[in-house]
Protein backbone atom coordinates (compact mmCIF):
# COMPACT_ATOMS: atom_id res chain seq x y z
CA MET A 1 302.90 143.45 130.92
CA GLY A 2 306.59 144.19 131.47
CA GLU A 3 309.87 143.16 133.05
CA THR A 4 312.43 144.99 135.15
CA ILE A 5 315.78 146.03 133.76
CA GLY A 6 318.62 143.70 134.73
CA GLU A 7 320.88 144.49 137.68
CA LEU A 8 323.92 146.72 137.00
CA ILE A 9 327.01 144.77 138.12
CA ILE A 10 329.86 146.91 136.70
CA PRO A 11 329.67 149.99 134.47
CA GLY A 12 328.35 149.01 131.06
CA THR A 13 327.47 145.42 132.10
CA TYR A 14 323.99 144.18 133.00
CA ILE A 15 322.91 140.70 133.99
CA GLU A 16 319.30 139.74 133.28
CA VAL A 17 317.97 136.35 134.38
CA ARG A 18 315.11 135.03 132.26
CA ALA A 19 313.56 132.34 134.40
CA GLU A 20 310.63 131.44 132.15
CA GLY A 21 312.23 128.18 131.05
CA LEU A 22 312.54 127.03 134.68
CA ILE A 23 308.87 127.48 135.62
CA GLY A 24 306.94 124.28 136.33
CA VAL A 25 303.52 123.32 137.65
CA GLY A 26 303.38 122.75 141.41
CA GLY A 27 301.26 120.31 143.35
CA ILE A 28 297.51 120.25 142.67
CA ALA A 29 294.94 119.23 145.28
CA THR A 30 292.62 116.45 144.12
CA GLY A 31 290.98 115.10 147.28
CA ASN A 32 289.92 118.06 149.42
CA VAL A 33 286.32 117.72 150.62
CA GLY A 34 283.97 120.52 151.66
CA VAL A 35 280.94 119.86 153.87
CA VAL A 36 278.23 121.96 155.50
CA GLY A 37 275.96 120.75 158.31
CA THR A 38 274.64 121.19 161.85
CA ALA A 39 276.41 120.23 165.08
CA ASN A 40 276.17 120.85 168.83
CA ARG A 41 279.69 122.24 169.21
CA GLY A 42 282.27 124.29 167.38
CA PRO A 43 282.54 127.70 165.72
CA LEU A 44 279.50 128.85 163.76
CA ASN A 45 279.75 129.99 160.12
CA GLU A 46 283.48 129.44 160.00
CA VAL A 47 285.56 127.09 157.85
CA VAL A 48 287.47 124.52 159.94
CA ILE A 49 290.07 122.24 158.33
CA LEU A 50 290.04 118.69 159.71
CA GLY A 51 292.42 115.79 159.18
CA SER A 52 290.72 112.97 161.10
CA TYR A 53 287.48 111.90 162.74
CA ALA A 54 289.09 112.38 166.16
CA GLU A 55 289.61 116.05 165.27
CA ALA A 56 286.01 116.26 164.11
CA LEU A 57 284.77 115.00 167.48
CA ALA A 58 287.04 117.41 169.36
CA VAL A 59 285.85 120.41 167.32
CA PHE A 60 282.19 119.66 166.60
CA GLY A 61 281.18 117.32 169.43
CA THR A 62 279.41 113.99 169.25
CA PRO A 63 276.39 113.13 167.09
CA ASP A 64 272.97 113.04 168.70
CA PRO A 65 271.00 109.75 168.88
CA TRP A 66 269.58 108.75 165.50
CA PRO A 67 265.82 109.47 165.52
CA ALA A 68 263.16 106.86 164.82
CA ASP A 69 261.74 109.00 162.00
CA PRO A 70 264.72 110.92 160.57
CA ALA A 71 262.76 112.28 157.61
CA ALA A 72 260.41 114.19 159.92
CA THR A 73 262.56 114.75 163.02
CA ALA A 74 265.19 117.49 163.18
CA HIS A 75 268.61 116.09 163.97
CA LEU A 76 272.26 117.06 163.73
CA THR A 77 274.06 116.10 160.53
CA LEU A 78 277.65 117.32 160.42
CA VAL A 79 279.56 114.93 162.69
CA ARG A 80 277.75 111.82 161.41
CA THR A 81 278.63 112.91 157.86
CA LEU A 82 282.25 113.54 158.85
CA GLU A 83 282.38 110.03 160.29
CA GLN A 84 281.45 108.59 156.89
CA LEU A 85 283.83 110.90 155.02
CA PHE A 86 286.83 109.78 157.06
CA ALA A 87 285.67 106.15 156.99
CA GLY A 88 285.65 106.39 153.20
CA GLY A 89 289.23 107.63 153.10
CA ALA A 90 289.11 111.44 153.11
CA ALA A 91 292.27 113.07 154.48
CA THR A 92 291.49 116.80 154.33
CA VAL A 93 288.00 118.14 155.01
CA PHE A 94 286.84 121.77 155.07
CA ALA A 95 283.83 121.77 157.41
CA VAL A 96 281.34 124.53 158.20
CA ARG A 97 278.91 124.37 161.10
CA VAL A 98 275.63 126.22 160.52
CA ALA A 99 272.51 126.56 162.67
CA SER A 100 268.87 127.28 161.93
CA LEU A 101 267.49 129.60 164.61
CA ALA A 102 264.32 131.66 164.88
CA ALA A 103 264.78 135.41 164.58
CA ASP A 104 264.22 135.94 168.30
CA VAL A 105 266.44 133.04 169.43
CA THR A 106 270.13 133.30 170.34
CA MET A 107 272.32 130.24 170.71
CA ARG A 108 273.75 130.11 174.23
CA ALA A 109 276.94 128.63 175.63
CA MET A 110 276.81 126.65 178.87
CA THR A 111 278.05 128.61 181.93
CA TRP A 112 279.05 127.94 185.55
CA ARG A 113 279.58 130.27 188.51
CA VAL A 114 282.72 129.70 190.59
CA THR A 115 281.91 130.83 194.12
CA ALA A 116 283.26 131.38 197.60
CA GLY A 117 280.29 130.79 199.88
CA ALA A 118 277.52 133.04 198.55
CA THR A 119 279.93 135.27 196.60
CA ASP A 120 280.43 134.86 192.85
CA LEU A 121 284.13 134.97 191.95
CA PHE A 122 284.06 134.51 188.17
CA THR A 123 282.15 132.72 185.42
CA LEU A 124 283.19 129.74 183.33
CA THR A 125 281.76 129.70 179.79
CA ALA A 126 281.93 126.85 177.28
CA THR A 127 284.31 127.51 174.38
CA SER A 128 281.47 127.35 171.85
CA ALA A 129 277.71 127.71 171.92
CA GLY A 130 275.48 124.65 171.82
CA SER A 131 274.26 121.82 174.00
CA TRP A 132 277.51 119.83 174.02
CA ALA A 133 278.87 121.41 177.22
CA ASN A 134 275.68 120.65 179.17
CA ALA A 135 277.12 117.17 179.69
CA ILE A 136 280.32 118.43 181.36
CA GLN A 137 280.57 117.26 184.96
CA ALA A 138 282.09 120.19 186.86
CA THR A 139 283.22 119.80 190.48
CA LEU A 140 285.29 122.04 192.73
CA THR A 141 286.85 120.84 195.96
CA ALA A 142 287.93 123.56 198.39
CA GLY A 143 291.42 123.32 199.79
CA ALA A 144 291.87 122.79 203.54
CA ASP A 145 294.42 124.68 205.67
CA GLY A 146 295.79 126.71 202.79
CA ALA A 147 295.87 123.81 200.30
CA PRO A 148 294.85 124.69 196.73
CA ALA A 149 291.28 124.26 195.53
CA ARG A 150 290.82 121.60 192.81
CA LEU A 151 288.53 122.15 189.81
CA THR A 152 287.65 119.10 187.70
CA LEU A 153 285.86 119.13 184.34
CA GLN A 154 284.93 115.82 182.73
CA LEU A 155 283.23 115.20 179.37
CA GLY A 156 282.94 111.55 178.44
CA ARG A 157 286.39 110.04 178.84
CA ILE A 158 288.21 113.37 178.71
CA ARG A 159 289.06 114.91 182.06
CA GLU A 160 290.66 118.26 182.89
CA ALA A 161 291.89 119.21 186.37
CA PHE A 162 293.21 122.53 187.73
CA GLU A 163 294.57 123.51 191.14
CA ALA A 164 295.03 126.99 192.59
CA THR A 165 294.77 128.78 195.94
CA THR A 166 293.14 131.99 194.65
CA ALA A 167 290.42 132.93 192.18
CA THR A 168 292.91 134.79 189.98
CA ASP A 169 295.29 131.84 189.75
CA LEU A 170 292.49 129.39 189.00
CA ALA A 171 291.02 131.58 186.25
CA ARG A 172 294.45 131.99 184.70
CA GLU A 173 295.12 128.23 184.69
CA VAL A 174 291.76 127.51 183.10
CA ASN A 175 292.34 130.03 180.31
CA GLN A 176 295.82 128.67 179.62
CA GLU A 177 295.00 124.96 179.58
CA SER A 178 291.30 124.14 179.19
CA SER A 179 289.80 123.05 175.88
CA PHE A 180 286.29 123.02 177.39
CA VAL A 181 285.78 126.44 178.98
CA ARG A 182 287.07 129.98 179.35
CA ALA A 183 287.14 131.94 182.60
CA GLY A 184 285.73 135.43 182.80
CA ALA A 185 287.11 138.37 184.76
CA VAL A 186 287.42 137.91 188.51
CA ALA A 187 284.99 140.06 190.51
CA ALA A 188 286.40 143.26 191.96
CA GLY A 189 288.04 142.76 195.34
CA GLN A 190 287.99 138.92 195.04
CA ALA A 191 291.35 138.30 193.34
CA ALA A 192 292.93 136.64 196.39
CA THR A 193 289.78 134.81 197.54
CA ALA A 194 289.98 131.02 197.68
CA PRO A 195 287.25 129.27 195.57
CA THR A 196 285.00 126.86 197.44
CA GLY A 197 282.29 125.77 194.98
CA ILE A 198 280.86 125.77 191.48
CA THR A 199 277.24 126.13 190.34
CA PRO A 200 275.95 125.36 186.81
CA ALA A 201 273.63 127.72 184.95
CA ALA A 202 269.92 127.40 185.53
CA GLU A 203 268.15 124.91 183.28
CA ALA A 204 266.58 127.68 181.19
CA ASN A 205 270.01 129.21 180.53
CA ARG A 206 271.95 126.09 179.63
CA GLY A 207 273.75 125.69 176.32
CA GLY A 208 271.67 125.55 173.15
CA PRO A 209 269.62 125.28 171.09
CA ASP A 210 271.74 123.60 168.43
CA GLY A 211 269.67 124.82 165.49
CA SER A 212 269.44 121.47 163.74
CA GLY A 213 266.49 122.49 161.58
CA ALA A 214 263.72 120.35 160.10
CA MET A 215 264.73 117.83 157.44
CA GLY A 216 261.80 118.30 155.05
CA THR A 217 263.23 121.48 153.51
CA LEU A 218 266.77 122.77 153.20
CA ILE A 219 267.51 125.32 155.91
CA PRO A 220 268.62 128.65 154.38
CA GLU A 221 271.77 128.68 156.49
CA ILE A 222 273.15 125.87 154.31
CA ALA A 223 273.48 128.35 151.46
CA ASP A 224 275.46 130.66 153.76
CA GLY A 225 277.79 127.81 154.64
CA LEU A 226 278.28 126.91 150.98
CA ALA A 227 279.18 130.54 150.27
CA LEU A 228 281.98 130.28 152.84
CA LEU A 229 283.42 127.30 150.95
CA GLU A 230 283.47 129.04 147.58
CA GLY A 231 286.93 130.51 148.08
CA GLU A 232 288.52 127.31 149.42
CA GLU A 233 290.56 124.81 147.38
CA ILE A 234 287.94 122.07 147.39
CA ASN A 235 287.45 119.25 144.89
CA ILE A 236 284.45 117.40 146.30
CA LEU A 237 281.34 118.84 147.96
CA VAL A 238 278.90 117.21 150.39
CA ILE A 239 275.79 118.69 152.00
CA ALA A 240 275.39 116.85 155.29
CA GLY A 241 272.17 114.93 155.83
CA TYR A 242 270.13 116.32 152.93
CA GLY A 243 269.10 114.44 149.81
CA ALA A 244 269.09 115.66 146.23
CA ASP A 245 265.41 116.60 146.39
CA THR A 246 266.17 119.36 148.93
CA ALA A 247 269.88 120.07 148.40
CA GLY A 248 270.15 119.69 144.62
CA GLY A 249 269.30 123.31 143.79
CA ALA A 250 271.72 124.77 146.34
CA ALA A 251 274.49 122.43 145.20
CA LEU A 252 273.97 123.28 141.53
CA ALA A 253 274.03 127.03 142.20
CA HIS A 254 277.23 126.62 144.23
CA LEU A 255 278.88 124.56 141.49
CA GLU A 256 278.03 127.13 138.83
CA ARG A 257 279.49 129.98 140.88
CA THR A 258 282.70 128.13 141.71
CA GLU A 259 283.21 126.98 138.12
CA ALA A 260 282.84 130.57 136.92
CA ALA A 261 285.47 131.58 139.51
CA GLY A 262 287.92 128.87 138.39
CA ARG A 263 287.42 126.65 141.46
CA GLU A 264 285.80 123.58 139.90
CA ARG A 265 284.44 120.80 142.10
CA ILE A 266 282.03 117.85 142.11
CA ALA A 267 279.03 117.45 144.45
CA ILE A 268 278.15 113.99 145.78
CA LEU A 269 274.49 113.84 146.84
CA GLY A 270 272.24 111.08 148.07
CA THR A 271 268.85 110.40 146.54
CA ARG A 272 265.74 111.24 148.53
CA SER A 273 265.12 107.58 149.44
CA ASP A 274 265.96 104.00 148.50
CA GLN A 275 262.72 103.59 146.54
CA LEU A 276 262.95 103.47 142.75
CA ALA A 277 260.09 105.94 142.28
CA GLY A 278 261.76 108.63 144.39
CA ILE A 279 265.15 107.95 142.81
CA GLY A 280 263.58 108.35 139.38
CA GLN A 281 262.25 111.78 140.38
CA ASP A 282 265.71 112.92 141.45
CA ALA A 283 267.28 111.59 138.24
CA ALA A 284 264.70 113.40 136.12
CA ALA A 285 265.37 116.69 137.94
CA ILE A 286 269.19 116.66 137.72
CA SER A 287 271.48 116.23 134.73
CA ASN A 288 274.91 117.72 135.35
CA GLY A 289 278.46 116.50 134.94
CA ARG A 290 279.36 117.89 138.36
CA ILE A 291 276.64 116.15 140.39
CA VAL A 292 276.71 112.49 141.42
CA LEU A 293 273.62 110.81 142.87
CA VAL A 294 274.16 107.86 145.22
CA ALA A 295 271.75 105.13 146.34
CA PRO A 296 270.87 103.26 148.55
CA GLY A 297 271.46 104.22 152.19
CA ILE A 298 273.92 102.47 154.52
CA GLN A 299 273.93 100.74 157.89
CA ALA A 300 276.09 102.37 160.57
CA THR A 301 276.57 102.18 164.32
CA ASP A 302 274.87 104.80 166.49
CA ALA A 303 277.51 105.59 169.10
CA ALA A 304 275.09 107.92 170.91
CA ARG A 305 272.90 104.98 171.98
CA ALA A 306 273.65 102.31 174.54
CA GLY A 307 275.20 99.30 172.88
CA ALA A 308 275.92 101.26 169.68
CA PRO A 309 273.27 99.49 167.58
CA LEU A 310 273.22 99.50 163.79
CA VAL A 311 270.83 102.08 162.36
CA PRO A 312 269.77 102.72 158.75
CA LEU A 313 271.15 105.99 157.40
CA PRO A 314 269.58 107.57 154.29
CA PRO A 315 271.48 107.89 150.99
CA ALA A 316 272.85 111.32 151.97
CA TYR A 317 275.26 109.53 154.32
CA ALA A 318 276.11 106.95 151.67
CA ALA A 319 277.05 109.95 149.52
CA ALA A 320 279.49 111.07 152.23
CA LEU A 321 281.05 107.60 152.30
CA VAL A 322 281.43 107.66 148.51
CA ALA A 323 282.89 111.18 148.65
CA GLY A 324 285.51 110.00 151.13
CA LYS A 325 286.41 107.10 148.85
CA LEU A 326 286.62 109.40 145.82
CA ALA A 327 288.87 111.79 147.75
CA ALA A 328 291.36 108.96 148.30
CA LEU A 329 291.62 108.14 144.58
CA ALA A 330 293.68 109.85 141.88
CA PRO A 331 291.58 111.78 139.35
CA HIS A 332 291.92 109.14 136.61
CA VAL A 333 291.03 106.18 138.84
CA SER A 334 287.42 105.16 138.40
CA LEU A 335 285.06 104.39 141.27
CA THR A 336 283.71 101.42 139.34
CA ASN A 337 283.82 98.25 141.47
CA LYS A 338 285.72 99.99 144.28
CA ASP A 339 284.91 98.75 147.78
CA VAL A 340 283.32 101.09 150.33
CA ALA A 341 283.76 100.77 154.10
CA THR A 342 280.21 100.19 155.29
CA GLN A 343 278.64 97.56 157.53
CA GLY A 344 275.62 97.14 155.29
CA LEU A 345 273.14 98.69 152.89
CA THR A 346 269.54 99.66 153.54
CA GLN A 347 268.46 98.11 150.23
CA LEU A 348 269.89 95.33 148.05
CA TYR A 349 268.73 95.93 144.48
CA THR A 350 268.19 93.10 142.02
CA ARG A 351 270.20 92.98 138.79
CA ALA A 352 267.20 94.34 136.90
CA GLN A 353 266.86 97.22 139.37
CA GLN A 354 270.60 97.95 139.19
CA LYS A 355 270.33 98.18 135.40
CA GLN A 356 267.39 100.56 135.70
CA LEU A 357 269.30 102.78 138.15
CA LEU A 358 272.37 102.87 135.92
CA GLN A 359 270.20 103.92 133.00
CA ASN A 360 268.95 106.76 135.25
CA ARG A 361 272.59 107.77 135.88
CA ILE A 362 272.57 106.74 139.56
CA MET A 363 275.77 105.57 141.25
CA VAL A 364 274.60 102.35 142.89
CA LEU A 365 276.15 100.59 145.87
CA PHE A 366 275.79 96.80 145.85
CA ARG A 367 276.99 93.70 147.70
CA ASN A 368 279.74 91.61 146.10
CA LEU A 369 282.66 90.39 148.21
CA GLY A 370 281.79 93.18 150.61
CA PHE A 371 280.09 96.36 149.47
CA ARG A 372 281.10 98.19 146.33
CA ALA A 373 280.25 100.97 143.92
CA LEU A 374 278.71 99.46 140.81
CA ARG A 375 279.85 102.20 138.42
CA GLY A 376 281.30 105.70 138.85
CA LEU A 377 278.72 107.88 137.09
CA THR A 378 277.70 111.51 137.18
CA THR A 379 274.20 112.59 136.20
CA ASP A 380 275.46 113.92 132.85
CA THR A 381 274.24 112.40 129.58
CA GLY A 382 277.21 113.66 127.54
CA PRO A 383 281.01 113.36 127.63
CA PHE A 384 281.22 113.90 131.39
CA ARG A 385 279.10 110.86 132.22
CA GLN A 386 282.10 109.25 133.92
CA ILE A 387 283.35 110.84 137.13
CA SER A 388 286.96 110.18 136.15
CA VAL A 389 286.59 112.16 132.89
CA ARG A 390 285.18 115.14 134.76
CA ARG A 391 288.00 115.03 137.31
CA ILE A 392 290.74 114.62 134.68
CA VAL A 393 289.58 117.71 132.79
CA ASP A 394 289.30 119.70 136.04
CA TYR A 395 292.82 118.59 136.96
CA ALA A 396 294.15 119.77 133.58
CA LYS A 397 292.43 123.15 133.94
CA ALA A 398 293.83 123.58 137.47
CA GLY A 399 297.32 122.73 136.19
CA VAL A 400 297.09 125.27 133.39
CA ARG A 401 296.04 127.98 135.86
CA LYS A 402 298.82 127.10 138.27
CA GLY A 403 301.44 126.84 135.54
CA SER A 404 300.33 130.09 133.89
CA ASN A 405 300.18 132.20 137.03
CA PRO A 406 303.95 132.94 137.22
CA TYR A 407 303.78 134.35 133.69
CA ILE A 408 301.18 136.96 134.55
CA GLY A 409 303.00 140.31 134.56
CA ARG A 410 305.78 139.20 132.22
CA LEU A 411 306.23 140.30 128.62
CA ASN A 412 303.50 139.01 126.33
CA ASN A 413 305.74 138.23 123.35
CA PRO A 414 306.56 135.10 121.33
CA ARG A 415 309.54 134.21 123.54
CA VAL A 416 307.53 134.24 126.79
CA ARG A 417 304.54 132.49 125.20
CA SER A 418 306.91 129.81 123.93
CA ALA A 419 308.18 129.34 127.50
CA LEU A 420 304.56 129.17 128.75
CA ARG A 421 303.79 126.54 126.16
CA ALA A 422 306.83 124.53 127.30
CA THR A 423 305.64 124.69 130.91
CA LEU A 424 302.13 123.54 130.02
CA ASP A 425 303.40 120.94 127.58
CA GLY A 426 305.52 119.40 130.34
CA PHE A 427 302.51 119.28 132.63
CA LEU A 428 300.22 117.66 130.04
CA ALA A 429 302.94 115.21 129.02
CA GLN A 430 303.19 114.15 132.66
CA MET A 431 299.41 113.57 132.63
CA VAL A 432 299.93 111.20 129.68
CA GLN A 433 302.67 109.37 131.59
CA ASP A 434 300.36 109.13 134.61
CA GLU A 435 297.69 107.64 132.30
CA MET A 436 295.24 110.46 132.88
CA LEU A 437 295.33 111.30 129.16
CA THR A 438 295.95 109.18 126.09
CA ALA A 439 296.64 112.20 123.86
CA TYR A 440 296.45 115.97 123.75
CA THR A 441 297.17 118.99 121.58
CA LEU A 442 298.16 122.41 122.91
CA ASP A 443 298.25 125.87 121.41
CA VAL A 444 299.34 129.11 123.13
CA SER A 445 298.68 132.22 121.09
CA ALA A 446 297.88 135.91 121.10
CA THR A 447 296.95 138.39 118.41
CA ARG A 448 298.78 141.71 118.22
CA ARG A 449 295.81 143.35 119.91
CA GLN A 450 295.89 140.71 122.68
CA GLU A 451 299.63 141.27 123.15
CA ILE A 452 299.02 144.97 123.76
CA GLU A 453 296.16 144.22 126.20
CA GLY A 454 298.12 141.50 128.05
CA ILE A 455 295.86 138.61 126.95
CA CYS A 456 296.98 135.10 126.04
CA SER A 457 294.81 132.24 124.76
CA VAL A 458 295.51 128.62 125.76
CA THR A 459 293.63 125.99 123.76
CA MET A 460 293.85 122.30 124.68
CA THR A 461 292.25 119.28 123.08
CA LEU A 462 292.31 116.47 125.63
CA GLN A 463 291.52 112.80 125.29
CA PRO A 464 290.99 111.48 128.83
CA THR A 465 291.67 107.85 129.61
CA PHE A 466 288.63 105.56 129.21
CA SER A 467 286.87 108.14 127.03
CA ILE A 468 286.20 108.15 123.29
CA ASP A 469 285.46 111.89 123.45
CA PHE A 470 287.93 114.68 122.75
CA ILE A 471 287.44 117.54 125.20
CA ARG A 472 288.37 120.97 123.85
CA VAL A 473 289.23 123.57 126.51
CA THR A 474 289.95 127.23 125.77
CA MET A 475 291.29 129.39 128.60
CA ILE A 476 291.92 133.13 128.37
CA LEU A 477 294.75 134.39 130.59
CA GLN A 478 295.10 138.07 131.41
């Protein structure tokens, strides 16, 4: 570690600015949500940042109709999960669309041929692969007496219209303005030809399949999507549509990798069903301070069906609703007795059943002046039993990393370590003022050998609010 020599101003005079005492801890994200699931639209295996449900619909399309037997019938999960996340209060969501396809199957994008009589002028291709664009109503009206041809694309309530007199001009307008399709190259010798019609792809070549995958086992592509989220600044993780019985292992592996990389997060998972026996199996299989199990399921409208009836969604979607609510809360604010924005629950547990579920470390939703979370619990049996304690400690660790980063590369001597301690002390003192902590101790040290090797040890003893435990955290900076 070292510093540059000060700037020479006049002969024999140097000015050196030591800025260590001015370094503070910047903003820390606490409510970013990551989700992986299947959809009929949008980029595959790519992280997309969303800020609203309207954006989710524009990027990933609409959900498919809810099946009569969702446990056995493959269905799309991402958009329906995003709906619950934003309904819960999430503001920033990192979403990844994945697809389960057989080795010999390629996902197609819907296409149309723009023609002049029997001659193909150019091809229109949907902006992303999947079945979503099959519902686009495409019409082309030829212009009369030199008037421009008019191309209209309509999907639901969204309508796009383009006018041009030649194939080249029409293709250019589409590529500049359309959010539905892209125009291919105009056929040789047809640049000035006036378009007269449009023909959709044959049924066998229409957009799809969507690769929703069966629900009985976790599709392997979910793990690929989780890997894409490992490098993102995410605080809360959701696996769309899958319960803890299938998604628990993948979530736990992801949480272990991200914690080792200094990107801690919490996974909110639904139980496999509303039944106490199945919930008990999930509780017996998982005990981790970074995993929350939610039960029961919720009632939600199915916008893909006529009349938008209420349908029962399994606990995986209740988990998304809870994740959205958690994302809207500060780290030290408990989920206990907080209301959740649902139209109903698929199961109303008795007081005796609620007690049994709490003893199994299940975060239960119940009815009381609306619908609420009974208690904010993780599946841990130790000091991180409360979600708020886990989040407070993660927040403190993130602040130490962010506050320490500007010191990396500076001199590792008592003066600089004293400045580092002042920076971290200010951050932890602010946590006390914000009522995240009731007390803390802090030590920043390095042996002579560590000084030479550029290593500094930060040791904190934290007492989170609402906890009788003291959490000791040791972080090695180098």
